Amino acid sequence: MDSPGSAEQRFHARIDDPLWAEHQRVARALIEDAGGYAHQYARLVECLAGRESIEVPSVAGDVDATYRAVLARL
């Protein structure tokens, strides 16, 4: 998980990566059609409420650290 603002910022940053550009364009259109980023983030949080889940904070710019955080929670 990440904060709503940081998650949105990271989403937009991937648009400059040629490997993700088309995927991001389609995903952005779908998200906007479904109420926007804040709405979708709220839906995710609502979906997780009451479920047996473990929140693992993501580390911006550090995939390895995020992966280690996931492994530490398993």
N, C-alpha and C. Protein backbone atom coordinates (compact mmCIF):
# COMPACT_ATOMS: atom_id res chain seq x y z
N MET A 1 0.84 -1.19 0.00
CA MET A 1 0.00 0.00 0.00
C MET A 1 0.87 1.24 0.00
N ASP A 2 0.29 2.29 -0.43
CA ASP A 2 0.93 3.59 -0.42
C ASP A 2 -0.16 4.62 -0.18
N SER A 3 0.23 5.84 0.08
CA SER A 3 -0.78 6.89 0.26
C SER A 3 -1.45 7.15 -1.09
N PRO A 4 -2.67 7.66 -1.08
CA PRO A 4 -3.35 7.90 -2.36
C PRO A 4 -2.55 8.83 -3.29
N GLY A 5 -2.01 9.90 -2.75
CA GLY A 5 -1.27 10.85 -3.59
C GLY A 5 -0.01 10.25 -4.17
N SER A 6 0.73 9.52 -3.36
CA SER A 6 1.96 8.90 -3.83
C SER A 6 1.67 7.81 -4.85
N ALA A 7 0.64 7.03 -4.61
CA ALA A 7 0.26 5.97 -5.56
C ALA A 7 -0.10 6.57 -6.92
N GLU A 8 -0.85 7.67 -6.89
CA GLU A 8 -1.23 8.31 -8.16
C GLU A 8 0.01 8.88 -8.85
N GLN A 9 0.88 9.50 -8.10
CA GLN A 9 2.10 10.08 -8.67
C GLN A 9 2.95 8.99 -9.32
N ARG A 10 3.09 7.87 -8.65
CA ARG A 10 3.89 6.77 -9.20
C ARG A 10 3.22 6.19 -10.45
N PHE A 11 1.90 6.13 -10.45
CA PHE A 11 1.16 5.66 -11.62
C PHE A 11 1.48 6.55 -12.82
N HIS A 12 1.39 7.86 -12.63
CA HIS A 12 1.64 8.80 -13.72
C HIS A 12 3.10 8.73 -14.19
N ALA A 13 4.02 8.47 -13.29
CA ALA A 13 5.44 8.42 -13.65
C ALA A 13 5.72 7.29 -14.64
N ARG A 14 4.95 6.23 -14.57
CA ARG A 14 5.18 5.09 -15.47
C ARG A 14 4.78 5.39 -16.91
N ILE A 15 4.04 6.46 -17.15
CA ILE A 15 3.62 6.78 -18.50
C ILE A 15 4.82 7.09 -19.40
N ASP A 16 5.93 7.54 -18.80
CA ASP A 16 7.13 7.86 -19.57
C ASP A 16 7.96 6.64 -19.94
N ASP A 17 7.65 5.50 -19.36
CA ASP A 17 8.38 4.27 -19.65
C ASP A 17 7.76 3.62 -20.88
N PRO A 18 8.51 3.47 -21.98
CA PRO A 18 7.94 2.91 -23.21
C PRO A 18 7.34 1.52 -23.02
N LEU A 19 7.84 0.76 -22.05
CA LEU A 19 7.30 -0.58 -21.82
C LEU A 19 5.91 -0.52 -21.21
N TRP A 20 5.58 0.58 -20.52
CA TRP A 20 4.31 0.70 -19.83
C TRP A 20 3.36 1.72 -20.46
N ALA A 21 3.82 2.50 -21.41
CA ALA A 21 3.06 3.64 -21.92
C ALA A 21 1.65 3.27 -22.40
N GLU A 22 1.53 2.25 -23.22
CA GLU A 22 0.19 1.89 -23.74
C GLU A 22 -0.69 1.36 -22.61
N HIS A 23 -0.13 0.53 -21.77
CA HIS A 23 -0.89 0.01 -20.62
C HIS A 23 -1.37 1.16 -19.75
N GLN A 24 -0.50 2.12 -19.48
CA GLN A 24 -0.86 3.26 -18.63
C GLN A 24 -1.94 4.11 -19.27
N ARG A 25 -1.87 4.29 -20.59
CA ARG A 25 -2.88 5.09 -21.29
C ARG A 25 -4.26 4.45 -21.12
N VAL A 26 -4.33 3.15 -21.33
CA VAL A 26 -5.61 2.43 -21.19
C VAL A 26 -6.07 2.44 -19.74
N ALA A 27 -5.15 2.16 -18.82
CA ALA A 27 -5.50 2.14 -17.39
C ALA A 27 -5.99 3.51 -16.93
N ARG A 28 -5.32 4.57 -17.36
CA ARG A 28 -5.74 5.93 -16.97
C ARG A 28 -7.16 6.21 -17.44
N ALA A 29 -7.48 5.84 -18.67
CA ALA A 29 -8.84 6.06 -19.19
C ALA A 29 -9.87 5.27 -18.37
N LEU A 30 -9.55 4.03 -18.04
CA LEU A 30 -10.47 3.21 -17.24
C LEU A 30 -10.68 3.81 -15.85
N ILE A 31 -9.61 4.25 -15.23
CA ILE A 31 -9.71 4.84 -13.89
C ILE A 31 -10.53 6.12 -13.92
N GLU A 32 -10.27 6.97 -14.91
CA GLU A 32 -11.02 8.22 -15.01
C GLU A 32 -12.50 7.94 -15.25
N ASP A 33 -12.81 6.97 -16.10
CA ASP A 33 -14.21 6.61 -16.37
C ASP A 33 -14.91 6.04 -15.14
N ALA A 34 -14.12 5.46 -14.21
CA ALA A 34 -14.69 4.83 -13.01
C ALA A 34 -14.70 5.77 -11.80
N GLY A 35 -14.43 7.04 -12.01
CA GLY A 35 -14.55 7.98 -10.91
C GLY A 35 -13.27 8.62 -10.45
N GLY A 36 -12.15 8.26 -11.04
CA GLY A 36 -10.87 8.90 -10.70
C GLY A 36 -10.06 8.10 -9.71
N TYR A 37 -8.85 8.58 -9.50
CA TYR A 37 -7.88 7.87 -8.65
C TYR A 37 -8.32 7.81 -7.20
N ALA A 38 -8.74 8.94 -6.65
CA ALA A 38 -9.14 8.96 -5.24
C ALA A 38 -10.30 8.00 -5.00
N HIS A 39 -11.24 7.97 -5.91
CA HIS A 39 -12.39 7.07 -5.78
C HIS A 39 -11.95 5.61 -5.83
N GLN A 40 -11.06 5.30 -6.75
CA GLN A 40 -10.60 3.92 -6.87
C GLN A 40 -9.77 3.49 -5.66
N TYR A 41 -8.98 4.40 -5.12
CA TYR A 41 -8.21 4.10 -3.93
C TYR A 41 -9.16 3.83 -2.76
N ALA A 42 -10.18 4.66 -2.62
CA ALA A 42 -11.16 4.47 -1.55
C ALA A 42 -11.87 3.13 -1.71
N ARG A 43 -12.16 2.74 -2.93
CA ARG A 43 -12.79 1.43 -3.17
C ARG A 43 -11.87 0.29 -2.76
N LEU A 44 -10.57 0.43 -3.03
CA LEU A 44 -9.61 -0.59 -2.62
C LEU A 44 -9.59 -0.72 -1.10
N VAL A 45 -9.49 0.41 -0.41
CA VAL A 45 -9.46 0.40 1.05
C VAL A 45 -10.76 -0.21 1.60
N GLU A 46 -11.88 0.14 1.01
CA GLU A 46 -13.17 -0.42 1.43
C GLU A 46 -13.22 -1.92 1.21
N CYS A 47 -12.68 -2.37 0.09
CA CYS A 47 -12.66 -3.80 -0.23
C CYS A 47 -11.82 -4.58 0.79
N LEU A 48 -10.74 -3.98 1.25
CA LEU A 48 -9.86 -4.66 2.20
C LEU A 48 -10.39 -4.65 3.63
N ALA A 49 -11.26 -3.71 3.94
CA ALA A 49 -11.79 -3.59 5.30
C ALA A 49 -12.54 -4.88 5.68
N GLY A 50 -12.25 -5.37 6.85
CA GLY A 50 -12.93 -6.57 7.33
C GLY A 50 -12.36 -7.87 6.80
N ARG A 51 -11.38 -7.80 5.94
CA ARG A 51 -10.76 -9.02 5.41
C ARG A 51 -9.48 -9.30 6.19
N GLU A 52 -9.11 -10.53 6.18
CA GLU A 52 -7.83 -10.89 6.78
C GLU A 52 -6.74 -10.54 5.78
N SER A 53 -6.18 -9.38 5.95
CA SER A 53 -5.12 -8.94 5.06
C SER A 53 -4.02 -8.28 5.88
N ILE A 54 -2.87 -8.22 5.29
CA ILE A 54 -1.72 -7.60 5.92
C ILE A 54 -1.28 -6.46 5.01
N GLU A 55 -1.19 -5.27 5.56
CA GLU A 55 -0.75 -4.13 4.77
C GLU A 55 0.76 -4.05 4.81
N VAL A 56 1.35 -4.00 3.63
CA VAL A 56 2.79 -3.85 3.51
C VAL A 56 3.04 -2.55 2.77
N PRO A 57 3.69 -1.59 3.41
CA PRO A 57 3.94 -0.33 2.73
C PRO A 57 4.96 -0.51 1.62
N SER A 58 4.70 0.11 0.48
CA SER A 58 5.67 0.04 -0.61
C SER A 58 6.71 1.13 -0.41
N VAL A 59 7.88 0.89 -0.96
CA VAL A 59 8.99 1.84 -0.84
C VAL A 59 9.21 2.44 -2.22
N ALA A 60 8.84 3.70 -2.37
CA ALA A 60 8.95 4.36 -3.68
C ALA A 60 10.38 4.29 -4.21
N GLY A 61 10.50 3.82 -5.44
CA GLY A 61 11.80 3.77 -6.09
C GLY A 61 12.70 2.63 -5.65
N ASP A 62 12.20 1.75 -4.79
CA ASP A 62 13.04 0.66 -4.29
C ASP A 62 12.26 -0.65 -4.29
N VAL A 63 12.22 -1.27 -5.45
CA VAL A 63 11.48 -2.53 -5.61
C VAL A 63 12.02 -3.60 -4.67
N ASP A 64 13.34 -3.67 -4.54
CA ASP A 64 13.93 -4.69 -3.68
C ASP A 64 13.51 -4.53 -2.22
N ALA A 65 13.48 -3.30 -1.74
CA ALA A 65 13.06 -3.06 -0.35
C ALA A 65 11.60 -3.42 -0.15
N THR A 66 10.78 -3.10 -1.14
CA THR A 66 9.37 -3.46 -1.05
C THR A 66 9.22 -4.99 -1.04
N TYR A 67 9.96 -5.66 -1.89
CA TYR A 67 9.91 -7.13 -1.94
C TYR A 67 10.36 -7.72 -0.61
N ARG A 68 11.42 -7.17 -0.03
CA ARG A 68 11.88 -7.67 1.29
C ARG A 68 10.79 -7.45 2.34
N ALA A 69 10.08 -6.33 2.25
CA ALA A 69 9.00 -6.06 3.22
C ALA A 69 7.88 -7.09 3.07
N VAL A 70 7.58 -7.46 1.83
CA VAL A 70 6.56 -8.51 1.60
C VAL A 70 7.04 -9.84 2.17
N LEU A 71 8.28 -10.21 1.87
CA LEU A 71 8.82 -11.47 2.38
C LEU A 71 8.83 -11.50 3.91
N ALA A 72 9.12 -10.38 4.53
CA ALA A 72 9.17 -10.32 5.99
C ALA A 72 7.79 -10.56 6.61
N ARG A 73 6.73 -10.27 5.87
CA ARG A 73 5.39 -10.44 6.38
C ARG A 73 4.82 -11.82 6.11
N LEU A 74 5.48 -12.62 5.28
CA LEU A 74 4.98 -13.96 4.96
C LEU A 74 5.27 -14.94 6.08
